[in-house]
Amino acid sequence: YIYRSLPNKDFSKGERFKYSAHYLGVSGGEAVITMDPKLHLVNGRQCFLVNVAGKSVGMAAFFYHVNDVWRSHIDTG
């Protein structure tokens, strides 16, 4: 089987991104995305491990509590 391959120039292992969500000047949430510093082998293919931690903040946390973690593998090729 031949896998489709697209070059990745957007992110790399070990990177960290932090996002904040605001609406009309009110803070609503934060998300931190971290790329594991090493590659992982999944089904014989090299993959990034991505961890996303999201949470509600400020008044939004009072009405809608979010404190979640998501993980995913992304093929390097």
PDB file of N, CA and C in Angstrom:
ATOM      1  N   TYR A   1       0.841  -1.185   0.000  1.00  0.00           N
ATOM      2  CA  TYR A   1       0.000   0.000   0.000  1.00  0.00           C
ATOM      3  C   TYR A   1       0.883   1.244   0.000  1.00  0.00           C
ATOM      4  N   ILE A   2       0.566   2.207  -0.836  1.00  0.00           N
ATOM      5  CA  ILE A   2       1.330   3.448  -0.934  1.00  0.00           C
ATOM      6  C   ILE A   2       0.576   4.547  -0.200  1.00  0.00           C
ATOM      7  N   TYR A   3       1.226   5.141   0.799  1.00  0.00           N
ATOM      8  CA  TYR A   3       0.617   6.222   1.559  1.00  0.00           C
ATOM      9  C   TYR A   3       0.849   7.550   0.855  1.00  0.00           C
ATOM     10  N   ARG A   4      -0.132   8.404   0.915  1.00  0.00           N
ATOM     11  CA  ARG A   4       0.016   9.757   0.398  1.00  0.00           C
ATOM     12  C   ARG A   4       0.946  10.523   1.329  1.00  0.00           C
ATOM     13  N   SER A   5       1.776  11.387   0.793  1.00  0.00           N
ATOM     14  CA  SER A   5       2.732  12.135   1.599  1.00  0.00           C
ATOM     15  C   SER A   5       2.646  13.622   1.263  1.00  0.00           C
ATOM     16  N   LEU A   6       2.513  14.433   2.297  1.00  0.00           N
ATOM     17  CA  LEU A   6       2.500  15.885   2.145  1.00  0.00           C
ATOM     18  C   LEU A   6       3.574  16.464   3.051  1.00  0.00           C
ATOM     19  N   PRO A   7       4.423  17.355   2.556  1.00  0.00           N
ATOM     20  CA  PRO A   7       5.467  17.927   3.412  1.00  0.00           C
ATOM     21  C   PRO A   7       4.880  18.818   4.501  1.00  0.00           C
ATOM     22  N   ASN A   8       5.430  18.710   5.706  1.00  0.00           N
ATOM     23  CA  ASN A   8       4.982  19.524   6.838  1.00  0.00           C
ATOM     24  C   ASN A   8       6.013  20.609   7.107  1.00  0.00           C
ATOM     25  N   LYS A   9       5.597  21.856   6.965  1.00  0.00           N
ATOM     26  CA  LYS A   9       6.476  22.978   7.273  1.00  0.00           C
ATOM     27  C   LYS A   9       5.843  23.886   8.330  1.00  0.00           C
ATOM     28  N   ASP A  10       4.772  23.418   8.963  1.00  0.00           N
ATOM     29  CA  ASP A  10       4.012  24.262   9.887  1.00  0.00           C
ATOM     30  C   ASP A  10       4.399  24.094  11.350  1.00  0.00           C
ATOM     31  N   PHE A  11       4.792  22.918  11.751  1.00  0.00           N
ATOM     32  CA  PHE A  11       5.149  22.680  13.149  1.00  0.00           C
ATOM     33  C   PHE A  11       6.172  21.561  13.223  1.00  0.00           C
ATOM     34  N   SER A  12       6.781  21.423  14.393  1.00  0.00           N
ATOM     35  CA  SER A  12       7.800  20.400  14.591  1.00  0.00           C
ATOM     36  C   SER A  12       7.703  19.861  16.014  1.00  0.00           C
ATOM     37  N   LYS A  13       8.396  18.782  16.280  1.00  0.00           N
ATOM     38  CA  LYS A  13       8.376  18.193  17.625  1.00  0.00           C
ATOM     39  C   LYS A  13       8.948  19.183  18.641  1.00  0.00           C
ATOM     40  N   GLY A  14       8.384  19.147  19.847  1.00  0.00           N
ATOM     41  CA  GLY A  14       8.861  20.006  20.927  1.00  0.00           C
ATOM     42  C   GLY A  14       8.268  21.398  20.959  1.00  0.00           C
ATOM     43  N   GLU A  15       7.432  21.765  19.994  1.00  0.00           N
ATOM     44  CA  GLU A  15       6.855  23.111  19.993  1.00  0.00           C
ATOM     45  C   GLU A  15       5.688  23.216  20.970  1.00  0.00           C
ATOM     46  N   ARG A  16       5.374  24.445  21.357  1.00  0.00           N
ATOM     47  CA  ARG A  16       4.281  24.724  22.294  1.00  0.00           C
ATOM     48  C   ARG A  16       3.537  25.955  21.801  1.00  0.00           C
ATOM     49  N   PHE A  17       2.215  25.871  21.765  1.00  0.00           N
ATOM     50  CA  PHE A  17       1.362  26.983  21.336  1.00  0.00           C
ATOM     51  C   PHE A  17       0.364  27.283  22.445  1.00  0.00           C
ATOM     52  N   LYS A  18       0.090  28.550  22.684  1.00  0.00           N
ATOM     53  CA  LYS A  18      -0.896  28.929  23.700  1.00  0.00           C
ATOM     54  C   LYS A  18      -1.895  29.894  23.068  1.00  0.00           C
ATOM     55  N   TYR A  19      -3.187  29.603  23.248  1.00  0.00           N
ATOM     56  CA  TYR A  19      -4.253  30.413  22.679  1.00  0.00           C
ATOM     57  C   TYR A  19      -5.185  30.880  23.793  1.00  0.00           C
ATOM     58  N   SER A  20      -5.722  32.069  23.626  1.00  0.00           N
ATOM     59  CA  SER A  20      -6.718  32.611  24.545  1.00  0.00           C
ATOM     60  C   SER A  20      -7.945  33.008  23.742  1.00  0.00           C
ATOM     61  N   ALA A  21      -9.119  32.737  24.292  1.00  0.00           N
ATOM     62  CA  ALA A  21     -10.376  33.087  23.632  1.00  0.00           C
ATOM     63  C   ALA A  21     -11.052  34.211  24.404  1.00  0.00           C
ATOM     64  N   HIS A  22     -11.433  35.261  23.682  1.00  0.00           N
ATOM     65  CA  HIS A  22     -12.111  36.416  24.271  1.00  0.00           C
ATOM     66  C   HIS A  22     -13.324  36.774  23.416  1.00  0.00           C
ATOM     67  N   TYR A  23     -14.351  37.296  24.072  1.00  0.00           N
ATOM     68  CA  TYR A  23     -15.525  37.774  23.355  1.00  0.00           C
ATOM     69  C   TYR A  23     -15.988  39.064  24.015  1.00  0.00           C
ATOM     70  N   LEU A  24     -16.005  40.130  23.264  1.00  0.00           N
ATOM     71  CA  LEU A  24     -16.403  41.454  23.770  1.00  0.00           C
ATOM     72  C   LEU A  24     -15.583  41.842  25.002  1.00  0.00           C
ATOM     73  N   GLY A  25     -14.305  41.509  24.999  1.00  0.00           N
ATOM     74  CA  GLY A  25     -13.416  41.877  26.087  1.00  0.00           C
ATOM     75  C   GLY A  25     -13.460  40.966  27.298  1.00  0.00           C
ATOM     76  N   VAL A  26     -14.270  39.919  27.230  1.00  0.00           N
ATOM     77  CA  VAL A  26     -14.391  38.988  28.358  1.00  0.00           C
ATOM     78  C   VAL A  26     -13.622  37.709  28.013  1.00  0.00           C
ATOM     79  N   SER A  27     -12.746  37.298  28.920  1.00  0.00           N
ATOM     80  CA  SER A  27     -11.995  36.055  28.712  1.00  0.00           C
ATOM     81  C   SER A  27     -12.915  34.859  28.847  1.00  0.00           C
ATOM     82  N   GLY A  28     -12.775  33.898  27.931  1.00  0.00           N
ATOM     83  CA  GLY A  28     -13.648  32.738  27.963  1.00  0.00           C
ATOM     84  C   GLY A  28     -12.920  31.421  28.113  1.00  0.00           C
ATOM     85  N   GLY A  29     -11.708  31.335  27.545  1.00  0.00           N
ATOM     86  CA  GLY A  29     -11.014  30.066  27.618  1.00  0.00           C
ATOM     87  C   GLY A  29      -9.566  30.166  27.200  1.00  0.00           C
ATOM     88  N   GLU A  30      -8.844  29.118  27.513  1.00  0.00           N
ATOM     89  CA  GLU A  30      -7.436  29.003  27.138  1.00  0.00           C
ATOM     90  C   GLU A  30      -7.174  27.591  26.627  1.00  0.00           C
ATOM     91  N   ALA A  31      -6.246  27.495  25.697  1.00  0.00           N
ATOM     92  CA  ALA A  31      -5.813  26.188  25.199  1.00  0.00           C
ATOM     93  C   ALA A  31      -4.303  26.212  25.036  1.00  0.00           C
ATOM     94  N   VAL A  32      -3.658  25.136  25.451  1.00  0.00           N
ATOM     95  CA  VAL A  32      -2.217  24.988  25.277  1.00  0.00           C
ATOM     96  C   VAL A  32      -1.997  23.707  24.478  1.00  0.00           C
ATOM     97  N   ILE A  33      -1.300  23.850  23.361  1.00  0.00           N
ATOM     98  CA  ILE A  33      -0.996  22.715  22.490  1.00  0.00           C
ATOM     99  C   ILE A  33       0.497  22.446  22.589  1.00  0.00           C
ATOM    100  N   THR A  34       0.857  21.221  22.936  1.00  0.00           N
ATOM    101  CA  THR A  34       2.275  20.857  23.027  1.00  0.00           C
ATOM    102  C   THR A  34       2.544  19.668  22.126  1.00  0.00           C
ATOM    103  N   MET A  35       3.657  19.760  21.427  1.00  0.00           N
ATOM    104  CA  MET A  35       4.125  18.672  20.577  1.00  0.00           C
ATOM    105  C   MET A  35       5.179  17.911  21.377  1.00  0.00           C
ATOM    106  N   ASP A  36       5.015  16.610  21.508  1.00  0.00           N
ATOM    107  CA  ASP A  36       5.990  15.807  22.244  1.00  0.00           C
ATOM    108  C   ASP A  36       7.377  15.980  21.618  1.00  0.00           C
ATOM    109  N   PRO A  37       8.437  16.035  22.427  1.00  0.00           N
ATOM    110  CA  PRO A  37       9.772  16.255  21.873  1.00  0.00           C
ATOM    111  C   PRO A  37      10.346  15.065  21.094  1.00  0.00           C
ATOM    112  N   LYS A  38       9.695  13.919  21.148  1.00  0.00           N
ATOM    113  CA  LYS A  38      10.182  12.776  20.368  1.00  0.00           C
ATOM    114  C   LYS A  38       9.071  12.272  19.454  1.00  0.00           C
ATOM    115  N   LEU A  39       9.452  11.596  18.398  1.00  0.00           N
ATOM    116  CA  LEU A  39       8.484  11.001  17.483  1.00  0.00           C
ATOM    117  C   LEU A  39       8.058   9.639  18.011  1.00  0.00           C
ATOM    118  N   HIS A  40       6.839   9.221  17.653  1.00  0.00           N
ATOM    119  CA  HIS A  40       6.290   7.948  18.106  1.00  0.00           C
ATOM    120  C   HIS A  40       5.992   7.079  16.900  1.00  0.00           C
ATOM    121  N   LEU A  41       6.200   5.787  17.043  1.00  0.00           N
ATOM    122  CA  LEU A  41       5.941   4.841  15.973  1.00  0.00           C
ATOM    123  C   LEU A  41       4.521   4.296  16.120  1.00  0.00           C
ATOM    124  N   VAL A  42       3.664   4.562  15.121  1.00  0.00           N
ATOM    125  CA  VAL A  42       2.281   4.088  15.129  1.00  0.00           C
ATOM    126  C   VAL A  42       2.052   3.342  13.819  1.00  0.00           C
ATOM    127  N   ASN A  43       1.724   2.058  13.915  1.00  0.00           N
ATOM    128  CA  ASN A  43       1.513   1.222  12.727  1.00  0.00           C
ATOM    129  C   ASN A  43       2.681   1.307  11.752  1.00  0.00           C
ATOM    130  N   GLY A  44       3.889   1.355  12.289  1.00  0.00           N
ATOM    131  CA  GLY A  44       5.078   1.380  11.452  1.00  0.00           C
ATOM    132  C   GLY A  44       5.412   2.723  10.832  1.00  0.00           C
ATOM    133  N   ARG A  45       4.719   3.795  11.240  1.00  0.00           N
ATOM    134  CA  ARG A  45       4.964   5.122  10.677  1.00  0.00           C
ATOM    135  C   ARG A  45       5.325   6.097  11.791  1.00  0.00           C
ATOM    136  N   GLN A  46       6.266   7.000  11.511  1.00  0.00           N
ATOM    137  CA  GLN A  46       6.676   8.020  12.473  1.00  0.00           C
ATOM    138  C   GLN A  46       5.557   9.065  12.618  1.00  0.00           C
ATOM    139  N   CYS A  47       5.206   9.383  13.875  1.00  0.00           N
ATOM    140  CA  CYS A  47       4.119  10.322  14.140  1.00  0.00           C
ATOM    141  C   CYS A  47       4.495  11.298  15.245  1.00  0.00           C
ATOM    142  N   PHE A  48       3.914  12.488  15.162  1.00  0.00           N
ATOM    143  CA  PHE A  48       3.983  13.454  16.255  1.00  0.00           C
ATOM    144  C   PHE A  48       2.917  13.074  17.267  1.00  0.00           C
ATOM    145  N   LEU A  49       3.188  13.287  18.546  1.00  0.00           N
ATOM    146  CA  LEU A  49       2.165  13.168  19.581  1.00  0.00           C
ATOM    147  C   LEU A  49       1.793  14.576  19.993  1.00  0.00           C
ATOM    148  N   VAL A  50       0.508  14.911  19.845  1.00  0.00           N
ATOM    149  CA  VAL A  50       0.015  16.247  20.142  1.00  0.00           C
ATOM    150  C   VAL A  50      -0.887  16.176  21.378  1.00  0.00           C
ATOM    151  N   ASN A  51      -0.613  17.036  22.360  1.00  0.00           N
ATOM    152  CA  ASN A  51      -1.440  17.141  23.561  1.00  0.00           C
ATOM    153  C   ASN A  51      -2.085  18.515  23.582  1.00  0.00           C
ATOM    154  N   VAL A  52      -3.392  18.554  23.799  1.00  0.00           N
ATOM    155  CA  VAL A  52      -4.124  19.814  23.880  1.00  0.00           C
ATOM    156  C   VAL A  52      -4.828  19.866  25.226  1.00  0.00           C
ATOM    157  N   ALA A  53      -4.556  20.921  25.993  1.00  0.00           N
ATOM    158  CA  ALA A  53      -5.228  21.131  27.278  1.00  0.00           C
ATOM    159  C   ALA A  53      -6.071  22.392  27.144  1.00  0.00           C
ATOM    160  N   GLY A  54      -7.381  22.256  27.318  1.00  0.00           N
ATOM    161  CA  GLY A  54      -8.287  23.391  27.198  1.00  0.00           C
ATOM    162  C   GLY A  54      -9.070  23.582  28.471  1.00  0.00           C
ATOM    163  N   LYS A  55      -9.288  24.845  28.822  1.00  0.00           N
ATOM    164  CA  LYS A  55     -10.077  25.122  30.028  1.00  0.00           C
ATOM    165  C   LYS A  55     -10.797  26.446  29.888  1.00  0.00           C
ATOM    166  N   SER A  56     -11.924  26.541  30.557  1.00  0.00           N
ATOM    167  CA  SER A  56     -12.639  27.810  30.612  1.00  0.00           C
ATOM    168  C   SER A  56     -12.015  28.666  31.710  1.00  0.00           C
ATOM    169  N   VAL A  57     -12.073  29.983  31.538  1.00  0.00           N
ATOM    170  CA  VAL A  57     -11.492  30.915  32.512  1.00  0.00           C
ATOM    171  C   VAL A  57     -12.477  32.052  32.760  1.00  0.00           C
ATOM    172  N   GLY A  58     -12.234  32.776  33.827  1.00  0.00           N
ATOM    173  CA  GLY A  58     -13.043  33.954  34.138  1.00  0.00           C
ATOM    174  C   GLY A  58     -14.501  33.611  34.394  1.00  0.00           C
ATOM    175  N   MET A  59     -15.385  34.497  33.959  1.00  0.00           N
ATOM    176  CA  MET A  59     -16.827  34.308  34.162  1.00  0.00           C
ATOM    177  C   MET A  59     -17.354  33.099  33.398  1.00  0.00           C
ATOM    178  N   ALA A  60     -16.720  32.765  32.284  1.00  0.00           N
ATOM    179  CA  ALA A  60     -17.156  31.594  31.513  1.00  0.00           C
ATOM    180  C   ALA A  60     -17.021  30.320  32.345  1.00  0.00           C
ATOM    181  N   ALA A  61     -15.988  30.240  33.174  1.00  0.00           N
ATOM    182  CA  ALA A  61     -15.786  29.064  34.019  1.00  0.00           C
ATOM    183  C   ALA A  61     -16.892  28.944  35.067  1.00  0.00           C
ATOM    184  N   PHE A  62     -17.452  30.064  35.460  1.00  0.00           N
ATOM    185  CA  PHE A  62     -18.538  30.048  36.440  1.00  0.00           C
ATOM    186  C   PHE A  62     -19.802  29.415  35.839  1.00  0.00           C
ATOM    187  N   PHE A  63     -20.065  29.706  34.568  1.00  0.00           N
ATOM    188  CA  PHE A  63     -21.279  29.208  33.914  1.00  0.00           C
ATOM    189  C   PHE A  63     -21.075  27.880  33.186  1.00  0.00           C
ATOM    190  N   TYR A  64     -19.877  27.665  32.656  1.00  0.00           N
ATOM    191  CA  TYR A  64     -19.625  26.467  31.853  1.00  0.00           C
ATOM    192  C   TYR A  64     -18.210  25.992  32.128  1.00  0.00           C
ATOM    193  N   HIS A  65     -18.063  24.993  32.975  1.00  0.00           N
ATOM    194  CA  HIS A  65     -16.752  24.533  33.408  1.00  0.00           C
ATOM    195  C   HIS A  65     -16.153  23.554  32.400  1.00  0.00           C
ATOM    196  N   VAL A  66     -15.009  23.892  31.865  1.00  0.00           N
ATOM    197  CA  VAL A  66     -14.266  23.015  30.955  1.00  0.00           C
ATOM    198  C   VAL A  66     -12.851  22.869  31.491  1.00  0.00           C
ATOM    199  N   ASN A  67     -12.386  21.656  31.584  1.00  0.00           N
ATOM    200  CA  ASN A  67     -11.002  21.359  31.954  1.00  0.00           C
ATOM    201  C   ASN A  67     -10.669  20.009  31.311  1.00  0.00           C
ATOM    202  N   ASP A  68     -10.337  20.031  30.019  1.00  0.00           N
ATOM    203  CA  ASP A  68     -10.189  18.814  29.241  1.00  0.00           C
ATOM    204  C   ASP A  68      -8.787  18.682  28.656  1.00  0.00           C
ATOM    205  N   VAL A  69      -8.416  17.442  28.367  1.00  0.00           N
ATOM    206  CA  VAL A  69      -7.158  17.144  27.685  1.00  0.00           C
ATOM    207  C   VAL A  69      -7.481  16.210  26.526  1.00  0.00           C
ATOM    208  N   TRP A  70      -6.946  16.541  25.344  1.00  0.00           N
ATOM    209  CA  TRP A  70      -7.104  15.725  24.155  1.00  0.00           C
ATOM    210  C   TRP A  70      -5.715  15.343  23.661  1.00  0.00           C
ATOM    211  N   ARG A  71      -5.606  14.146  23.098  1.00  0.00           N
ATOM    212  CA  ARG A  71      -4.335  13.684  22.537  1.00  0.00           C
ATOM    213  C   ARG A  71      -4.585  13.094  21.164  1.00  0.00           C
ATOM    214  N   SER A  72      -3.618  13.288  20.281  1.00  0.00           N
ATOM    215  CA  SER A  72      -3.734  12.724  18.947  1.00  0.00           C
ATOM    216  C   SER A  72      -2.350  12.500  18.355  1.00  0.00           C
ATOM    217  N   HIS A  73      -2.269  11.573  17.429  1.00  0.00           N
ATOM    218  CA  HIS A  73      -1.041  11.349  16.672  1.00  0.00           C
ATOM    219  C   HIS A  73      -1.239  11.920  15.272  1.00  0.00           C
ATOM    220  N   ILE A  74      -0.213  12.580  14.756  1.00  0.00           N
ATOM    221  CA  ILE A  74      -0.247  13.138  13.403  1.00  0.00           C
ATOM    222  C   ILE A  74       0.936  12.556  12.637  1.00  0.00           C
ATOM    223  N   ASP A  75       0.659  11.962  11.512  1.00  0.00           N
ATOM    224  CA  ASP A  75       1.695  11.365  10.671  1.00  0.00           C
ATOM    225  C   ASP A  75       2.691  12.442  10.230  1.00  0.00           C
ATOM    226  N   THR A  76       3.984  12.145  10.284  1.00  0.00           N
ATOM    227  CA  THR A  76       5.004  13.131   9.907  1.00  0.00           C
ATOM    228  C   THR A  76       5.110  13.293   8.398  1.00  0.00           C
ATOM    229  N   GLY A  77       4.664  12.315   7.638  1.00  0.00           N
ATOM    230  CA  GLY A  77       4.836  12.350   6.202  1.00  0.00           C
ATOM    231  C   GLY A  77       3.653  12.861   5.513  1.00  0.00           C
TER     232      GLY A  77
END
